[in-house]
Amino acid sequence: MHADGHLTRLDTAFSRDQERKVYVQDRMLEQAQPLWEWLEDGANVYVCGDAAQMAKDVHSTLVKVVKMAGGRSTEAAEEYVHALKETHRYHRDVY
């Protein structure tokens, strides 16, 4: 995917392979501004995995990124994320 230009960047988060746990939402907050810019440029968000905790935390963090980097109120950030779902740009395969 990198060779054909579909993948230009990869950030990893390991919560079990090291002493200090790093979660997806940690990486999202670290890269809030670029993530916001990608969303504004039409990026899609894909979340796959644990529905009990991870998916909820990632969703909350996505709202927080829109709020912080996008300068939106909490309500406006939640509406933005809802619009991502409605326009099929926020995909969740959680279980």
N, C-alpha and C. Protein backbone atom coordinates (compact mmCIF):
# COMPACT_ATOMS: atom_id res chain seq x y z
N MET A 1 0.83 -1.20 0.00
CA MET A 1 0.00 0.00 0.00
C MET A 1 0.86 1.25 0.00
N HIS A 2 2.02 1.18 0.62
CA HIS A 2 2.91 2.34 0.62
C HIS A 2 3.46 2.57 -0.78
N ALA A 3 3.87 1.51 -1.46
CA ALA A 3 4.45 1.63 -2.80
C ALA A 3 3.48 2.23 -3.80
N ASP A 4 2.19 1.91 -3.67
CA ASP A 4 1.23 2.46 -4.64
C ASP A 4 0.60 3.77 -4.19
N GLY A 5 1.07 4.32 -3.05
CA GLY A 5 0.64 5.65 -2.63
C GLY A 5 -0.60 5.70 -1.77
N HIS A 6 -1.20 4.56 -1.46
CA HIS A 6 -2.39 4.56 -0.62
C HIS A 6 -2.07 4.80 0.85
N LEU A 7 -0.91 4.36 1.28
CA LEU A 7 -0.50 4.53 2.67
C LEU A 7 0.71 5.45 2.70
N THR A 8 0.54 6.60 3.32
CA THR A 8 1.65 7.55 3.38
C THR A 8 2.21 7.69 4.79
N ARG A 9 1.49 7.13 5.76
CA ARG A 9 1.94 7.26 7.14
C ARG A 9 1.33 6.15 7.98
N LEU A 10 2.10 5.67 8.96
CA LEU A 10 1.62 4.63 9.85
C LEU A 10 2.11 4.94 11.26
N ASP A 11 1.18 5.14 12.17
CA ASP A 11 1.50 5.33 13.58
C ASP A 11 1.02 4.09 14.32
N THR A 12 1.82 3.58 15.22
CA THR A 12 1.45 2.38 15.96
C THR A 12 1.21 2.70 17.42
N ALA A 13 0.40 1.84 18.05
CA ALA A 13 0.12 1.96 19.48
C ALA A 13 0.05 0.55 20.05
N PHE A 14 0.91 0.27 21.02
CA PHE A 14 0.95 -1.06 21.61
C PHE A 14 0.62 -0.95 23.10
N SER A 15 -0.42 -1.65 23.51
CA SER A 15 -0.81 -1.58 24.91
C SER A 15 -0.33 -2.78 25.71
N ARG A 16 0.24 -3.78 25.04
CA ARG A 16 0.66 -4.97 25.76
C ARG A 16 2.11 -5.38 25.51
N ASP A 17 2.78 -4.81 24.57
CA ASP A 17 4.11 -5.25 24.18
C ASP A 17 5.25 -4.46 24.82
N GLN A 18 4.94 -3.64 25.79
CA GLN A 18 5.97 -2.82 26.41
C GLN A 18 5.52 -2.43 27.81
N GLU A 19 6.43 -1.87 28.57
CA GLU A 19 6.10 -1.50 29.95
C GLU A 19 5.04 -0.40 30.01
N ARG A 20 5.24 0.66 29.22
CA ARG A 20 4.29 1.77 29.19
C ARG A 20 3.23 1.50 28.13
N LYS A 21 1.98 1.43 28.55
CA LYS A 21 0.89 1.18 27.61
C LYS A 21 0.62 2.41 26.76
N VAL A 22 0.49 2.21 25.47
CA VAL A 22 0.17 3.28 24.53
C VAL A 22 -1.08 2.84 23.78
N TYR A 23 -2.09 3.68 23.78
CA TYR A 23 -3.36 3.35 23.15
C TYR A 23 -3.59 4.19 21.90
N VAL A 24 -4.50 3.74 21.06
CA VAL A 24 -4.84 4.46 19.83
C VAL A 24 -5.21 5.91 20.14
N GLN A 25 -6.01 6.09 21.18
CA GLN A 25 -6.44 7.45 21.51
C GLN A 25 -5.28 8.34 21.94
N ASP A 26 -4.22 7.75 22.51
CA ASP A 26 -3.01 8.53 22.83
C ASP A 26 -2.39 9.09 21.56
N ARG A 27 -2.28 8.23 20.56
CA ARG A 27 -1.70 8.66 19.28
C ARG A 27 -2.59 9.69 18.59
N MET A 28 -3.89 9.51 18.69
CA MET A 28 -4.81 10.48 18.08
C MET A 28 -4.61 11.86 18.69
N LEU A 29 -4.49 11.92 20.00
CA LEU A 29 -4.29 13.22 20.66
C LEU A 29 -2.93 13.82 20.34
N GLU A 30 -1.90 12.98 20.25
CA GLU A 30 -0.57 13.47 19.90
C GLU A 30 -0.57 14.09 18.51
N GLN A 31 -1.40 13.56 17.63
CA GLN A 31 -1.43 14.02 16.24
C GLN A 31 -2.76 14.72 15.92
N ALA A 32 -3.32 15.40 16.89
CA ALA A 32 -4.64 16.01 16.74
C ALA A 32 -4.72 16.96 15.54
N GLN A 33 -3.76 17.82 15.39
CA GLN A 33 -3.81 18.81 14.29
C GLN A 33 -3.75 18.14 12.92
N PRO A 34 -2.77 17.25 12.67
CA PRO A 34 -2.79 16.58 11.36
C PRO A 34 -4.05 15.74 11.15
N LEU A 35 -4.54 15.08 12.20
CA LEU A 35 -5.76 14.29 12.07
C LEU A 35 -6.93 15.19 11.68
N TRP A 36 -7.05 16.34 12.32
CA TRP A 36 -8.10 17.30 11.97
C TRP A 36 -7.97 17.73 10.52
N GLU A 37 -6.75 18.04 10.09
CA GLU A 37 -6.54 18.48 8.71
C GLU A 37 -6.92 17.39 7.71
N TRP A 38 -6.60 16.14 8.04
CA TRP A 38 -6.99 15.03 7.16
C TRP A 38 -8.51 14.91 7.08
N LEU A 39 -9.17 15.05 8.22
CA LEU A 39 -10.64 14.99 8.22
C LEU A 39 -11.22 16.09 7.35
N GLU A 40 -10.68 17.28 7.48
CA GLU A 40 -11.15 18.40 6.67
C GLU A 40 -10.86 18.20 5.19
N ASP A 41 -9.83 17.42 4.88
CA ASP A 41 -9.49 17.12 3.49
C ASP A 41 -10.24 15.91 2.94
N GLY A 42 -11.13 15.33 3.77
CA GLY A 42 -11.96 14.23 3.28
C GLY A 42 -11.55 12.84 3.72
N ALA A 43 -10.66 12.73 4.69
CA ALA A 43 -10.21 11.42 5.15
C ALA A 43 -11.35 10.60 5.74
N ASN A 44 -11.19 9.30 5.69
CA ASN A 44 -12.09 8.35 6.33
C ASN A 44 -11.44 7.83 7.59
N VAL A 45 -12.26 7.45 8.57
CA VAL A 45 -11.78 6.89 9.83
C VAL A 45 -12.33 5.47 9.94
N TYR A 46 -11.45 4.52 10.22
CA TYR A 46 -11.83 3.13 10.39
C TYR A 46 -11.43 2.67 11.77
N VAL A 47 -12.37 2.11 12.52
CA VAL A 47 -12.11 1.60 13.87
C VAL A 47 -12.56 0.15 13.88
N CYS A 48 -11.66 -0.72 14.29
CA CYS A 48 -11.97 -2.14 14.35
C CYS A 48 -11.45 -2.71 15.65
N GLY A 49 -12.27 -3.50 16.34
CA GLY A 49 -11.81 -4.15 17.55
C GLY A 49 -12.83 -4.11 18.67
N ASP A 50 -12.33 -3.99 19.86
CA ASP A 50 -13.10 -4.10 21.09
C ASP A 50 -14.18 -3.03 21.21
N ALA A 51 -15.43 -3.46 21.30
CA ALA A 51 -16.55 -2.53 21.44
C ALA A 51 -16.73 -2.05 22.87
N ALA A 52 -16.33 -2.89 23.83
CA ALA A 52 -16.58 -2.58 25.24
C ALA A 52 -15.85 -1.33 25.71
N GLN A 53 -14.60 -1.18 25.34
CA GLN A 53 -13.83 -0.04 25.83
C GLN A 53 -13.15 0.75 24.71
N MET A 54 -12.36 0.07 23.88
CA MET A 54 -11.54 0.77 22.89
C MET A 54 -12.38 1.63 21.96
N ALA A 55 -13.43 1.08 21.39
CA ALA A 55 -14.23 1.84 20.42
C ALA A 55 -14.85 3.08 21.06
N LYS A 56 -15.31 2.95 22.30
CA LYS A 56 -15.88 4.10 23.01
C LYS A 56 -14.82 5.15 23.27
N ASP A 57 -13.63 4.72 23.67
CA ASP A 57 -12.55 5.66 23.94
C ASP A 57 -12.09 6.37 22.67
N VAL A 58 -11.99 5.62 21.59
CA VAL A 58 -11.58 6.21 20.31
C VAL A 58 -12.64 7.22 19.85
N HIS A 59 -13.91 6.87 19.99
CA HIS A 59 -14.98 7.80 19.61
C HIS A 59 -14.89 9.10 20.42
N SER A 60 -14.74 8.97 21.73
CA SER A 60 -14.63 10.16 22.59
C SER A 60 -13.42 11.00 22.21
N THR A 61 -12.33 10.33 21.87
CA THR A 61 -11.12 11.04 21.48
C THR A 61 -11.30 11.73 20.15
N LEU A 62 -12.01 11.11 19.23
CA LEU A 62 -12.28 11.75 17.94
C LEU A 62 -13.07 13.04 18.15
N VAL A 63 -14.06 13.00 19.02
CA VAL A 63 -14.82 14.22 19.35
C VAL A 63 -13.88 15.26 19.96
N LYS A 64 -13.00 14.82 20.85
CA LYS A 64 -12.06 15.74 21.50
C LYS A 64 -11.11 16.37 20.47
N VAL A 65 -10.65 15.60 19.50
CA VAL A 65 -9.76 16.12 18.45
C VAL A 65 -10.48 17.20 17.65
N VAL A 66 -11.72 16.93 17.27
CA VAL A 66 -12.49 17.92 16.51
C VAL A 66 -12.70 19.17 17.34
N LYS A 67 -12.96 18.99 18.62
CA LYS A 67 -13.16 20.13 19.52
C LYS A 67 -11.87 20.96 19.65
N MET A 68 -10.77 20.29 19.95
CA MET A 68 -9.50 20.99 20.19
C MET A 68 -8.91 21.57 18.90
N ALA A 69 -8.65 20.70 17.94
CA ALA A 69 -7.95 21.13 16.73
C ALA A 69 -8.88 21.90 15.79
N GLY A 70 -10.17 21.58 15.84
CA GLY A 70 -11.11 22.25 14.96
C GLY A 70 -11.75 23.48 15.57
N GLY A 71 -11.46 23.71 16.86
CA GLY A 71 -12.01 24.90 17.52
C GLY A 71 -13.52 24.87 17.64
N ARG A 72 -14.08 23.70 17.84
CA ARG A 72 -15.53 23.55 17.92
C ARG A 72 -15.98 23.39 19.37
N SER A 73 -17.22 23.72 19.65
CA SER A 73 -17.79 23.41 20.95
C SER A 73 -17.99 21.90 21.03
N THR A 74 -18.26 21.40 22.23
CA THR A 74 -18.51 19.97 22.38
C THR A 74 -19.67 19.53 21.52
N GLU A 75 -20.75 20.29 21.57
CA GLU A 75 -21.94 19.95 20.77
C GLU A 75 -21.62 19.96 19.27
N ALA A 76 -20.91 20.97 18.81
CA ALA A 76 -20.55 21.05 17.39
C ALA A 76 -19.60 19.93 16.99
N ALA A 77 -18.70 19.56 17.88
CA ALA A 77 -17.77 18.46 17.61
C ALA A 77 -18.53 17.14 17.50
N GLU A 78 -19.50 16.93 18.38
CA GLU A 78 -20.31 15.72 18.32
C GLU A 78 -21.13 15.68 17.03
N GLU A 79 -21.63 16.82 16.60
CA GLU A 79 -22.38 16.90 15.34
C GLU A 79 -21.46 16.60 14.15
N TYR A 80 -20.21 17.09 14.21
CA TYR A 80 -19.24 16.85 13.14
C TYR A 80 -18.98 15.35 13.02
N VAL A 81 -18.74 14.69 14.15
CA VAL A 81 -18.46 13.25 14.14
C VAL A 81 -19.70 12.48 13.66
N HIS A 82 -20.87 12.91 14.08
CA HIS A 82 -22.11 12.28 13.60
C HIS A 82 -22.22 12.43 12.08
N ALA A 83 -21.86 13.60 11.56
CA ALA A 83 -21.89 13.82 10.11
C ALA A 83 -20.89 12.91 9.40
N LEU A 84 -19.75 12.64 10.03
CA LEU A 84 -18.80 11.69 9.44
C LEU A 84 -19.46 10.32 9.27
N LYS A 85 -20.21 9.89 10.29
CA LYS A 85 -20.94 8.62 10.20
C LYS A 85 -21.97 8.66 9.08
N GLU A 86 -22.74 9.73 9.05
CA GLU A 86 -23.84 9.84 8.09
C GLU A 86 -23.33 9.86 6.64
N THR A 87 -22.15 10.39 6.44
CA THR A 87 -21.59 10.47 5.08
C THR A 87 -20.64 9.30 4.81
N HIS A 88 -20.68 8.31 5.66
CA HIS A 88 -19.90 7.07 5.50
C HIS A 88 -18.40 7.31 5.46
N ARG A 89 -17.95 8.23 6.31
CA ARG A 89 -16.51 8.50 6.44
C ARG A 89 -15.98 8.02 7.79
N TYR A 90 -16.86 7.57 8.67
CA TYR A 90 -16.48 7.05 9.98
C TYR A 90 -17.06 5.64 10.07
N HIS A 91 -16.17 4.65 9.97
CA HIS A 91 -16.56 3.26 9.88
C HIS A 91 -16.12 2.53 11.15
N ARG A 92 -17.03 1.75 11.71
CA ARG A 92 -16.73 0.99 12.93
C ARG A 92 -17.10 -0.48 12.72
N ASP A 93 -16.14 -1.35 12.94
CA ASP A 93 -16.38 -2.80 12.94
C ASP A 93 -15.94 -3.27 14.33
N VAL A 94 -16.83 -3.14 15.27
CA VAL A 94 -16.48 -3.43 16.66
C VAL A 94 -17.35 -4.55 17.20
N TYR A 95 -16.78 -5.29 18.14
CA TYR A 95 -17.47 -6.47 18.65
C TYR A 95 -17.14 -6.71 20.10
